[in-house]
Amino acid sequence: MAYVIALPCVDVKDKACVGECPVDCIYEGPRKMYIHPDECVDCGACEPVCPMEAIFYEDAVPDEWDGYRTTDREVFAEVGSPAGAESAGPLPTDHPVVAGAPVREQG
């Protein structure tokens, strides 16, 4: 099981989680951050620093965000394993669940 990032991150992308991740497995998409399930070591360092409370274990995602249980895993099924977010750069596209989410204005 891996951690996933749910709806509260969409259009926010605070990135506090990136600085805490010891294995560089949190990638930036156009609208949300994504945790690579095969690179994540389940240390949990990212969860408490997320100001949006958007990070959950895959099976602990609240029901209202059920579509986010598999978004991270499905994105990397397409992308593969870049072996480190910093060297890979941003992902070219978001998962369809994220792309279809209403845009949240930041102010």
PDB file of N, CA and C in Angstrom:
ATOM      1  N   MET A   1       0.843  -1.175   0.000  1.00  0.00           N
ATOM      2  CA  MET A   1       0.000   0.000   0.000  1.00  0.00           C
ATOM      3  C   MET A   1       0.888   1.237   0.000  1.00  0.00           C
ATOM      4  N   ALA A   2       0.402   2.285  -0.642  1.00  0.00           N
ATOM      5  CA  ALA A   2       1.164   3.533  -0.701  1.00  0.00           C
ATOM      6  C   ALA A   2       0.273   4.694  -0.284  1.00  0.00           C
ATOM      7  N   TYR A   3       0.896   5.808  -0.063  1.00  0.00           N
ATOM      8  CA  TYR A   3       0.153   7.030   0.184  1.00  0.00           C
ATOM      9  C   TYR A   3      -0.337   7.580  -1.152  1.00  0.00           C
ATOM     10  N   VAL A   4      -1.434   8.328  -1.117  1.00  0.00           N
ATOM     11  CA  VAL A   4      -1.965   9.006  -2.298  1.00  0.00           C
ATOM     12  C   VAL A   4      -2.323  10.439  -1.908  1.00  0.00           C
ATOM     13  N   ILE A   5      -2.443  11.272  -2.911  1.00  0.00           N
ATOM     14  CA  ILE A   5      -2.813  12.671  -2.695  1.00  0.00           C
ATOM     15  C   ILE A   5      -4.180  12.891  -3.315  1.00  0.00           C
ATOM     16  N   ALA A   6      -5.103  13.435  -2.520  1.00  0.00           N
ATOM     17  CA  ALA A   6      -6.500  13.568  -2.931  1.00  0.00           C
ATOM     18  C   ALA A   6      -6.862  15.012  -3.322  1.00  0.00           C
ATOM     19  N   LEU A   7      -8.145  15.224  -3.519  1.00  0.00           N
ATOM     20  CA  LEU A   7      -8.706  16.479  -4.027  1.00  0.00           C
ATOM     21  C   LEU A   7      -8.207  17.764  -3.355  1.00  0.00           C
ATOM     22  N   PRO A   8      -7.992  17.820  -2.043  1.00  0.00           N
ATOM     23  CA  PRO A   8      -7.571  19.106  -1.463  1.00  0.00           C
ATOM     24  C   PRO A   8      -6.283  19.680  -2.053  1.00  0.00           C
ATOM     25  N   CYS A   9      -5.483  18.855  -2.722  1.00  0.00           N
ATOM     26  CA  CYS A   9      -4.241  19.334  -3.339  1.00  0.00           C
ATOM     27  C   CYS A   9      -4.484  19.956  -4.715  1.00  0.00           C
ATOM     28  N   VAL A  10      -5.590  19.604  -5.350  1.00  0.00           N
ATOM     29  CA  VAL A  10      -5.842  20.076  -6.715  1.00  0.00           C
ATOM     30  C   VAL A  10      -5.875  21.602  -6.740  1.00  0.00           C
ATOM     31  N   ASP A  11      -5.092  22.170  -7.626  1.00  0.00           N
ATOM     32  CA  ASP A  11      -4.941  23.612  -7.833  1.00  0.00           C
ATOM     33  C   ASP A  11      -4.279  24.332  -6.660  1.00  0.00           C
ATOM     34  N   VAL A  12      -3.740  23.596  -5.690  1.00  0.00           N
ATOM     35  CA  VAL A  12      -3.035  24.194  -4.563  1.00  0.00           C
ATOM     36  C   VAL A  12      -1.539  23.892  -4.677  1.00  0.00           C
ATOM     37  N   LYS A  13      -1.198  22.595  -4.712  1.00  0.00           N
ATOM     38  CA  LYS A  13       0.186  22.135  -4.857  1.00  0.00           C
ATOM     39  C   LYS A  13       1.156  22.883  -3.942  1.00  0.00           C
ATOM     40  N   ASP A  14       0.909  22.838  -2.661  1.00  0.00           N
ATOM     41  CA  ASP A  14       1.744  23.519  -1.667  1.00  0.00           C
ATOM     42  C   ASP A  14       3.205  23.062  -1.697  1.00  0.00           C
ATOM     43  N   LYS A  15       3.450  21.802  -1.929  1.00  0.00           N
ATOM     44  CA  LYS A  15       4.781  21.188  -2.065  1.00  0.00           C
ATOM     45  C   LYS A  15       5.563  21.036  -0.765  1.00  0.00           C
ATOM     46  N   ALA A  16       4.955  21.277   0.386  1.00  0.00           N
ATOM     47  CA  ALA A  16       5.649  21.012   1.645  1.00  0.00           C
ATOM     48  C   ALA A  16       6.016  19.540   1.726  1.00  0.00           C
ATOM     49  N   CYS A  17       5.187  18.694   1.153  1.00  0.00           N
ATOM     50  CA  CYS A  17       5.423  17.244   1.162  1.00  0.00           C
ATOM     51  C   CYS A  17       6.706  16.875   0.428  1.00  0.00           C
ATOM     52  N   VAL A  18       7.007  17.583  -0.625  1.00  0.00           N
ATOM     53  CA  VAL A  18       8.194  17.286  -1.436  1.00  0.00           C
ATOM     54  C   VAL A  18       9.463  17.424  -0.600  1.00  0.00           C
ATOM     55  N   GLY A  19       9.544  18.474   0.189  1.00  0.00           N
ATOM     56  CA  GLY A  19      10.717  18.713   1.019  1.00  0.00           C
ATOM     57  C   GLY A  19      10.907  17.677   2.115  1.00  0.00           C
ATOM     58  N   GLU A  20       9.837  17.012   2.514  1.00  0.00           N
ATOM     59  CA  GLU A  20       9.915  16.007   3.577  1.00  0.00           C
ATOM     60  C   GLU A  20      10.159  14.603   3.057  1.00  0.00           C
ATOM     61  N   CYS A  21       9.913  14.363   1.792  1.00  0.00           N
ATOM     62  CA  CYS A  21      10.029  13.010   1.235  1.00  0.00           C
ATOM     63  C   CYS A  21      11.498  12.594   1.110  1.00  0.00           C
ATOM     64  N   PRO A  22      11.901  11.545   1.838  1.00  0.00           N
ATOM     65  CA  PRO A  22      13.311  11.136   1.792  1.00  0.00           C
ATOM     66  C   PRO A  22      13.703  10.378   0.529  1.00  0.00           C
ATOM     67  N   VAL A  23      12.718   9.963  -0.272  1.00  0.00           N
ATOM     68  CA  VAL A  23      13.044   9.164  -1.458  1.00  0.00           C
ATOM     69  C   VAL A  23      12.657   9.841  -2.773  1.00  0.00           C
ATOM     70  N   ASP A  24      12.247  11.115  -2.726  1.00  0.00           N
ATOM     71  CA  ASP A  24      11.965  11.894  -3.937  1.00  0.00           C
ATOM     72  C   ASP A  24      10.914  11.218  -4.825  1.00  0.00           C
ATOM     73  N   CYS A  25       9.799  10.784  -4.200  1.00  0.00           N
ATOM     74  CA  CYS A  25       8.770  10.065  -4.963  1.00  0.00           C
ATOM     75  C   CYS A  25       7.509  10.877  -5.199  1.00  0.00           C
ATOM     76  N   ILE A  26       7.536  12.181  -4.899  1.00  0.00           N
ATOM     77  CA  ILE A  26       6.353  13.018  -5.089  1.00  0.00           C
ATOM     78  C   ILE A  26       6.585  13.903  -6.310  1.00  0.00           C
ATOM     79  N   TYR A  27       5.782  13.651  -7.324  1.00  0.00           N
ATOM     80  CA  TYR A  27       5.918  14.297  -8.630  1.00  0.00           C
ATOM     81  C   TYR A  27       4.862  15.374  -8.797  1.00  0.00           C
ATOM     82  N   GLU A  28       5.188  16.397  -9.567  1.00  0.00           N
ATOM     83  CA  GLU A  28       4.247  17.479  -9.822  1.00  0.00           C
ATOM     84  C   GLU A  28       3.534  17.260 -11.140  1.00  0.00           C
ATOM     85  N   GLY A  29       2.207  17.309 -11.100  1.00  0.00           N
ATOM     86  CA  GLY A  29       1.399  17.296 -12.310  1.00  0.00           C
ATOM     87  C   GLY A  29       0.924  18.709 -12.576  1.00  0.00           C
ATOM     88  N   PRO A  30       0.208  18.934 -13.663  1.00  0.00           N
ATOM     89  CA  PRO A  30      -0.279  20.278 -13.948  1.00  0.00           C
ATOM     90  C   PRO A  30      -1.158  20.882 -12.844  1.00  0.00           C
ATOM     91  N   ARG A  31      -1.985  20.041 -12.171  1.00  0.00           N
ATOM     92  CA  ARG A  31      -2.907  20.577 -11.162  1.00  0.00           C
ATOM     93  C   ARG A  31      -2.750  19.974  -9.777  1.00  0.00           C
ATOM     94  N   LYS A  32      -1.981  18.898  -9.629  1.00  0.00           N
ATOM     95  CA  LYS A  32      -1.872  18.199  -8.343  1.00  0.00           C
ATOM     96  C   LYS A  32      -0.536  17.497  -8.257  1.00  0.00           C
ATOM     97  N   MET A  33      -0.113  17.216  -7.041  1.00  0.00           N
ATOM     98  CA  MET A  33       1.085  16.417  -6.799  1.00  0.00           C
ATOM     99  C   MET A  33       0.671  14.941  -6.790  1.00  0.00           C
ATOM    100  N   TYR A  34       1.581  14.056  -7.185  1.00  0.00           N
ATOM    101  CA  TYR A  34       1.316  12.617  -7.254  1.00  0.00           C
ATOM    102  C   TYR A  34       2.435  11.854  -6.552  1.00  0.00           C
ATOM    103  N   ILE A  35       2.076  10.822  -5.794  1.00  0.00           N
ATOM    104  CA  ILE A  35       3.055   9.966  -5.131  1.00  0.00           C
ATOM    105  C   ILE A  35       3.216   8.692  -5.947  1.00  0.00           C
ATOM    106  N   HIS A  36       4.449   8.407  -6.337  1.00  0.00           N
ATOM    107  CA  HIS A  36       4.713   7.179  -7.103  1.00  0.00           C
ATOM    108  C   HIS A  36       4.598   5.988  -6.156  1.00  0.00           C
ATOM    109  N   PRO A  37       3.646   5.075  -6.398  1.00  0.00           N
ATOM    110  CA  PRO A  37       3.406   3.982  -5.449  1.00  0.00           C
ATOM    111  C   PRO A  37       4.557   2.981  -5.331  1.00  0.00           C
ATOM    112  N   ASP A  38       5.353   2.831  -6.373  1.00  0.00           N
ATOM    113  CA  ASP A  38       6.464   1.876  -6.315  1.00  0.00           C
ATOM    114  C   ASP A  38       7.733   2.500  -5.733  1.00  0.00           C
ATOM    115  N   GLU A  39       7.812   3.807  -5.712  1.00  0.00           N
ATOM    116  CA  GLU A  39       8.975   4.496  -5.154  1.00  0.00           C
ATOM    117  C   GLU A  39       8.755   4.898  -3.693  1.00  0.00           C
ATOM    118  N   CYS A  40       7.493   5.040  -3.293  1.00  0.00           N
ATOM    119  CA  CYS A  40       7.147   5.422  -1.920  1.00  0.00           C
ATOM    120  C   CYS A  40       7.532   4.295  -0.960  1.00  0.00           C
ATOM    121  N   VAL A  41       8.176   4.655   0.136  1.00  0.00           N
ATOM    122  CA  VAL A  41       8.585   3.661   1.134  1.00  0.00           C
ATOM    123  C   VAL A  41       7.647   3.657   2.345  1.00  0.00           C
ATOM    124  N   ASP A  42       6.513   4.333   2.219  1.00  0.00           N
ATOM    125  CA  ASP A  42       5.486   4.372   3.268  1.00  0.00           C
ATOM    126  C   ASP A  42       6.014   4.895   4.602  1.00  0.00           C
ATOM    127  N   CYS A  43       6.913   5.848   4.553  1.00  0.00           N
ATOM    128  CA  CYS A  43       7.469   6.389   5.796  1.00  0.00           C
ATOM    129  C   CYS A  43       6.491   7.330   6.489  1.00  0.00           C
ATOM    130  N   GLY A  44       5.596   7.945   5.722  1.00  0.00           N
ATOM    131  CA  GLY A  44       4.605   8.839   6.297  1.00  0.00           C
ATOM    132  C   GLY A  44       5.082  10.248   6.564  1.00  0.00           C
ATOM    133  N   ALA A  45       6.284  10.600   6.170  1.00  0.00           N
ATOM    134  CA  ALA A  45       6.818  11.934   6.445  1.00  0.00           C
ATOM    135  C   ALA A  45       6.013  13.034   5.750  1.00  0.00           C
ATOM    136  N   CYS A  46       5.422  12.730   4.632  1.00  0.00           N
ATOM    137  CA  CYS A  46       4.685  13.729   3.864  1.00  0.00           C
ATOM    138  C   CYS A  46       3.335  14.079   4.479  1.00  0.00           C
ATOM    139  N   GLU A  47       2.695  13.123   5.092  1.00  0.00           N
ATOM    140  CA  GLU A  47       1.319  13.307   5.574  1.00  0.00           C
ATOM    141  C   GLU A  47       1.156  14.454   6.582  1.00  0.00           C
ATOM    142  N   PRO A  48       1.936  14.511   7.656  1.00  0.00           N
ATOM    143  CA  PRO A  48       1.689  15.558   8.652  1.00  0.00           C
ATOM    144  C   PRO A  48       2.070  16.971   8.193  1.00  0.00           C
ATOM    145  N   VAL A  49       2.889  17.112   7.170  1.00  0.00           N
ATOM    146  CA  VAL A  49       3.291  18.457   6.742  1.00  0.00           C
ATOM    147  C   VAL A  49       2.366  19.049   5.687  1.00  0.00           C
ATOM    148  N   CYS A  50       1.432  18.270   5.175  1.00  0.00           N
ATOM    149  CA  CYS A  50       0.516  18.766   4.153  1.00  0.00           C
ATOM    150  C   CYS A  50      -0.498  19.714   4.786  1.00  0.00           C
ATOM    151  N   PRO A  51      -0.446  21.010   4.454  1.00  0.00           N
ATOM    152  CA  PRO A  51      -1.370  21.960   5.069  1.00  0.00           C
ATOM    153  C   PRO A  51      -2.816  21.768   4.610  1.00  0.00           C
ATOM    154  N   MET A  52      -3.006  21.074   3.504  1.00  0.00           N
ATOM    155  CA  MET A  52      -4.345  20.845   2.973  1.00  0.00           C
ATOM    156  C   MET A  52      -4.949  19.531   3.479  1.00  0.00           C
ATOM    157  N   GLU A  53      -4.164  18.754   4.225  1.00  0.00           N
ATOM    158  CA  GLU A  53      -4.601  17.434   4.700  1.00  0.00           C
ATOM    159  C   GLU A  53      -5.122  16.596   3.535  1.00  0.00           C
ATOM    160  N   ALA A  54      -4.312  16.536   2.475  1.00  0.00           N
ATOM    161  CA  ALA A  54      -4.686  15.852   1.237  1.00  0.00           C
ATOM    162  C   ALA A  54      -4.035  14.489   1.083  1.00  0.00           C
ATOM    163  N   ILE A  55      -3.152  14.090   1.995  1.00  0.00           N
ATOM    164  CA  ILE A  55      -2.387  12.849   1.844  1.00  0.00           C
ATOM    165  C   ILE A  55      -2.955  11.772   2.760  1.00  0.00           C
ATOM    166  N   PHE A  56      -3.216  10.603   2.154  1.00  0.00           N
ATOM    167  CA  PHE A  56      -3.834   9.482   2.866  1.00  0.00           C
ATOM    168  C   PHE A  56      -3.203   8.175   2.412  1.00  0.00           C
ATOM    169  N   TYR A  57      -3.295   7.147   3.276  1.00  0.00           N
ATOM    170  CA  TYR A  57      -3.031   5.799   2.787  1.00  0.00           C
ATOM    171  C   TYR A  57      -4.095   5.494   1.747  1.00  0.00           C
ATOM    172  N   GLU A  58      -3.733   4.732   0.753  1.00  0.00           N
ATOM    173  CA  GLU A  58      -4.626   4.389  -0.348  1.00  0.00           C
ATOM    174  C   GLU A  58      -6.004   3.911   0.128  1.00  0.00           C
ATOM    175  N   ASP A  59      -6.039   3.077   1.146  1.00  0.00           N
ATOM    176  CA  ASP A  59      -7.324   2.547   1.605  1.00  0.00           C
ATOM    177  C   ASP A  59      -7.995   3.416   2.664  1.00  0.00           C
ATOM    178  N   ALA A  60      -7.423   4.574   2.969  1.00  0.00           N
ATOM    179  CA  ALA A  60      -8.001   5.467   3.982  1.00  0.00           C
ATOM    180  C   ALA A  60      -8.514   6.783   3.389  1.00  0.00           C
ATOM    181  N   VAL A  61      -8.570   6.868   2.069  1.00  0.00           N
ATOM    182  CA  VAL A  61      -9.084   8.074   1.427  1.00  0.00           C
ATOM    183  C   VAL A  61     -10.560   8.206   1.787  1.00  0.00           C
ATOM    184  N   PRO A  62     -10.996   9.387   2.231  1.00  0.00           N
ATOM    185  CA  PRO A  62     -12.413   9.567   2.555  1.00  0.00           C
ATOM    186  C   PRO A  62     -13.317   9.224   1.364  1.00  0.00           C
ATOM    187  N   ASP A  63     -14.479   8.691   1.664  1.00  0.00           N
ATOM    188  CA  ASP A  63     -15.402   8.238   0.619  1.00  0.00           C
ATOM    189  C   ASP A  63     -15.727   9.316  -0.406  1.00  0.00           C
ATOM    190  N   GLU A  64     -15.831  10.570   0.025  1.00  0.00           N
ATOM    191  CA  GLU A  64     -16.188  11.628  -0.931  1.00  0.00           C
ATOM    192  C   GLU A  64     -15.098  11.866  -1.980  1.00  0.00           C
ATOM    193  N   TRP A  65     -13.904  11.368  -1.721  1.00  0.00           N
ATOM    194  CA  TRP A  65     -12.802  11.489  -2.681  1.00  0.00           C
ATOM    195  C   TRP A  65     -12.372  10.122  -3.203  1.00  0.00           C
ATOM    196  N   ASP A  66     -13.295   9.197  -3.242  1.00  0.00           N
ATOM    197  CA  ASP A  66     -13.012   7.819  -3.627  1.00  0.00           C
ATOM    198  C   ASP A  66     -12.248   7.703  -4.949  1.00  0.00           C
ATOM    199  N   GLY A  67     -12.541   8.550  -5.911  1.00  0.00           N
ATOM    200  CA  GLY A  67     -11.860   8.504  -7.198  1.00  0.00           C
ATOM    201  C   GLY A  67     -10.364   8.725  -7.104  1.00  0.00           C
ATOM    202  N   TYR A  68      -9.902   9.290  -5.997  1.00  0.00           N
ATOM    203  CA  TYR A  68      -8.477   9.570  -5.817  1.00  0.00           C
ATOM    204  C   TYR A  68      -7.701   8.380  -5.243  1.00  0.00           C
ATOM    205  N   ARG A  69      -8.395   7.311  -4.887  1.00  0.00           N
ATOM    206  CA  ARG A  69      -7.716   6.113  -4.354  1.00  0.00           C
ATOM    207  C   ARG A  69      -6.714   5.541  -5.352  1.00  0.00           C
ATOM    208  N   THR A  70      -7.021   5.657  -6.627  1.00  0.00           N
ATOM    209  CA  THR A  70      -6.181   5.028  -7.652  1.00  0.00           C
ATOM    210  C   THR A  70      -5.537   6.007  -8.628  1.00  0.00           C
ATOM    211  N   THR A  71      -5.772   7.306  -8.480  1.00  0.00           N
ATOM    212  CA  THR A  71      -5.235   8.254  -9.464  1.00  0.00           C
ATOM    213  C   THR A  71      -3.713   8.194  -9.558  1.00  0.00           C
ATOM    214  N   ASP A  72      -3.033   8.185  -8.415  1.00  0.00           N
ATOM    215  CA  ASP A  72      -1.571   8.187  -8.442  1.00  0.00           C
ATOM    216  C   ASP A  72      -1.039   6.908  -9.103  1.00  0.00           C
ATOM    217  N   ARG A  73      -1.581   5.773  -8.696  1.00  0.00           N
ATOM    218  CA  ARG A  73      -1.153   4.488  -9.256  1.00  0.00           C
ATOM    219  C   ARG A  73      -1.388   4.443 -10.772  1.00  0.00           C
ATOM    220  N   GLU A  74      -2.550   4.926 -11.210  1.00  0.00           N
ATOM    221  CA  GLU A  74      -2.884   4.886 -12.638  1.00  0.00           C
ATOM    222  C   GLU A  74      -2.026   5.840 -13.462  1.00  0.00           C
ATOM    223  N   VAL A  75      -1.673   6.983 -12.920  1.00  0.00           N
ATOM    224  CA  VAL A  75      -0.789   7.908 -13.635  1.00  0.00           C
ATOM    225  C   VAL A  75       0.557   7.245 -13.894  1.00  0.00           C
ATOM    226  N   PHE A  76       1.101   6.572 -12.885  1.00  0.00           N
ATOM    227  CA  PHE A  76       2.419   5.964 -13.059  1.00  0.00           C
ATOM    228  C   PHE A  76       2.373   4.650 -13.825  1.00  0.00           C
ATOM    229  N   ALA A  77       1.197   4.052 -13.978  1.00  0.00           N
ATOM    230  CA  ALA A  77       1.063   2.893 -14.864  1.00  0.00           C
ATOM    231  C   ALA A  77       1.338   3.339 -16.298  1.00  0.00           C
ATOM    232  N   GLU A  78       0.986   4.575 -16.598  1.00  0.00           N
ATOM    233  CA  GLU A  78       1.242   5.146 -17.932  1.00  0.00           C
ATOM    234  C   GLU A  78       2.666   5.687 -18.055  1.00  0.00           C
ATOM    235  N   VAL A  79       3.134   6.380 -17.035  1.00  0.00           N
ATOM    236  CA  VAL A  79       4.429   7.069 -17.070  1.00  0.00           C
ATOM    237  C   VAL A  79       5.599   6.124 -16.835  1.00  0.00           C
ATOM    238  N   GLY A  80       5.385   5.105 -16.010  1.00  0.00           N
ATOM    239  CA  GLY A  80       6.476   4.212 -15.621  1.00  0.00           C
ATOM    240  C   GLY A  80       7.140   4.715 -14.354  1.00  0.00           C
ATOM    241  N   SER A  81       8.408   4.367 -14.179  1.00  0.00           N
ATOM    242  CA  SER A  81       9.135   4.762 -12.985  1.00  0.00           C
ATOM    243  C   SER A  81      10.319   5.640 -13.362  1.00  0.00           C
ATOM    244  N   PRO A  82      10.121   6.950 -13.306  1.00  0.00           N
ATOM    245  CA  PRO A  82      11.215   7.871 -13.638  1.00  0.00           C
ATOM    246  C   PRO A  82      12.384   7.838 -12.663  1.00  0.00           C
ATOM    247  N   ALA A  83      12.203   7.208 -11.497  1.00  0.00           N
ATOM    248  CA  ALA A  83      13.265   7.056 -10.494  1.00  0.00           C
ATOM    249  C   ALA A  83      13.729   8.378  -9.904  1.00  0.00           C
ATOM    250  N   GLY A  84      12.775   9.181  -9.522  1.00  0.00           N
ATOM    251  CA  GLY A  84      13.098  10.429  -8.836  1.00  0.00           C
ATOM    252  C   GLY A  84      12.430  11.627  -9.460  1.00  0.00           C
ATOM    253  N   ALA A  85      11.619  12.298  -8.676  1.00  0.00           N
ATOM    254  CA  ALA A  85      10.841  13.426  -9.179  1.00  0.00           C
ATOM    255  C   ALA A  85      11.706  14.611  -9.589  1.00  0.00           C
ATOM    256  N   GLU A  86      12.750  14.888  -8.818  1.00  0.00           N
ATOM    257  CA  GLU A  86      13.561  16.066  -9.105  1.00  0.00           C
ATOM    258  C   GLU A  86      14.199  15.995 -10.487  1.00  0.00           C
ATOM    259  N   SER A  87      14.733  14.850 -10.844  1.00  0.00           N
ATOM    260  CA  SER A  87      15.377  14.733 -12.152  1.00  0.00           C
ATOM    261  C   SER A  87      14.376  14.536 -13.288  1.00  0.00           C
ATOM    262  N   ALA A  88      13.182  14.051 -12.984  1.00  0.00           N
ATOM    263  CA  ALA A  88      12.179  13.786 -14.018  1.00  0.00           C
ATOM    264  C   ALA A  88      11.464  15.047 -14.483  1.00  0.00           C
ATOM    265  N   GLY A  89      11.322  16.021 -13.590  1.00  0.00           N
ATOM    266  CA  GLY A  89      10.564  17.215 -13.942  1.00  0.00           C
ATOM    267  C   GLY A  89       9.069  16.958 -13.858  1.00  0.00           C
ATOM    268  N   PRO A  90       8.260  17.952 -14.167  1.00  0.00           N
ATOM    269  CA  PRO A  90       6.807  17.826 -14.045  1.00  0.00           C
ATOM    270  C   PRO A  90       6.222  16.781 -14.997  1.00  0.00           C
ATOM    271  N   LEU A  91       5.137  16.169 -14.550  1.00  0.00           N
ATOM    272  CA  LEU A  91       4.404  15.231 -15.396  1.00  0.00           C
ATOM    273  C   LEU A  91       3.663  16.028 -16.468  1.00  0.00           C
ATOM    274  N   PRO A  92       3.517  15.471 -17.668  1.00  0.00           N
ATOM    275  CA  PRO A  92       2.897  16.240 -18.753  1.00  0.00           C
ATOM    276  C   PRO A  92       1.387  16.421 -18.619  1.00  0.00           C
ATOM    277  N   THR A  93       0.709  15.456 -17.976  1.00  0.00           N
ATOM    278  CA  THR A  93      -0.743  15.534 -17.865  1.00  0.00           C
ATOM    279  C   THR A  93      -1.196  15.045 -16.496  1.00  0.00           C
ATOM    280  N   ASP A  94      -2.422  15.412 -16.157  1.00  0.00           N
ATOM    281  CA  ASP A  94      -3.039  14.927 -14.934  1.00  0.00           C
ATOM    282  C   ASP A  94      -3.914  13.717 -15.247  1.00  0.00           C
ATOM    283  N   HIS A  95      -4.232  12.970 -14.212  1.00  0.00           N
ATOM    284  CA  HIS A  95      -5.188  11.872 -14.310  1.00  0.00           C
ATOM    285  C   HIS A  95      -6.537  12.474 -14.719  1.00  0.00           C
ATOM    286  N   PRO A  96      -7.381  11.764 -15.473  1.00  0.00           N
ATOM    287  CA  PRO A  96      -8.684  12.295 -15.869  1.00  0.00           C
ATOM    288  C   PRO A  96      -9.565  12.757 -14.694  1.00  0.00           C
ATOM    289  N   VAL A  97      -9.476  12.096 -13.538  1.00  0.00           N
ATOM    290  CA  VAL A  97     -10.256  12.523 -12.362  1.00  0.00           C
ATOM    291  C   VAL A  97      -9.819  13.931 -11.945  1.00  0.00           C
ATOM    292  N   VAL A  98      -8.533  14.180 -11.972  1.00  0.00           N
ATOM    293  CA  VAL A  98      -7.998  15.493 -11.590  1.00  0.00           C
ATOM    294  C   VAL A  98      -8.315  16.526 -12.672  1.00  0.00           C
ATOM    295  N   ALA A  99      -8.099  16.154 -13.920  1.00  0.00           N
ATOM    296  CA  ALA A  99      -8.360  17.074 -15.028  1.00  0.00           C
ATOM    297  C   ALA A  99      -9.833  17.490 -15.075  1.00  0.00           C
ATOM    298  N   GLY A 100     -10.728  16.606 -14.634  1.00  0.00           N
ATOM    299  CA  GLY A 100     -12.151  16.898 -14.645  1.00  0.00           C
ATOM    300  C   GLY A 100     -12.670  17.619 -13.418  1.00  0.00           C
ATOM    301  N   ALA A 101     -11.813  17.806 -12.422  1.00  0.00           N
ATOM    302  CA  ALA A 101     -12.233  18.494 -11.196  1.00  0.00           C
ATOM    303  C   ALA A 101     -12.446  19.977 -11.483  1.00  0.00           C
ATOM    304  N   PRO A 102     -13.449  20.585 -10.844  1.00  0.00           N
ATOM    305  CA  PRO A 102     -13.635  22.037 -11.046  1.00  0.00           C
ATOM    306  C   PRO A 102     -12.381  22.806 -10.629  1.00  0.00           C
ATOM    307  N   VAL A 103     -12.066  23.845 -11.363  1.00  0.00           N
ATOM    308  CA  VAL A 103     -10.899  24.666 -11.059  1.00  0.00           C
ATOM    309  C   VAL A 103     -11.176  25.453  -9.785  1.00  0.00           C
ATOM    310  N   ARG A 104     -10.196  25.410  -8.882  1.00  0.00           N
ATOM    311  CA  ARG A 104     -10.294  26.149  -7.622  1.00  0.00           C
ATOM    312  C   ARG A 104      -9.402  27.365  -7.715  1.00  0.00           C
ATOM    313  N   GLU A 105      -9.976  28.508  -7.570  1.00  0.00           N
ATOM    314  CA  GLU A 105      -9.216  29.758  -7.603  1.00  0.00           C
ATOM    315  C   GLU A 105      -8.461  29.935  -6.308  1.00  0.00           C
ATOM    316  N   GLN A 106      -7.226  30.344  -6.399  1.00  0.00           N
ATOM    317  CA  GLN A 106      -6.407  30.618  -5.220  1.00  0.00           C
ATOM    318  C   GLN A 106      -6.386  32.113  -4.988  1.00  0.00           C
ATOM    319  N   GLY A 107      -6.476  32.493  -3.755  1.00  0.00           N
ATOM    320  CA  GLY A 107      -6.507  33.921  -3.499  1.00  0.00           C
ATOM    321  C   GLY A 107      -5.787  34.293  -2.346  1.00  0.00           C
TER     322      GLY A 107
END
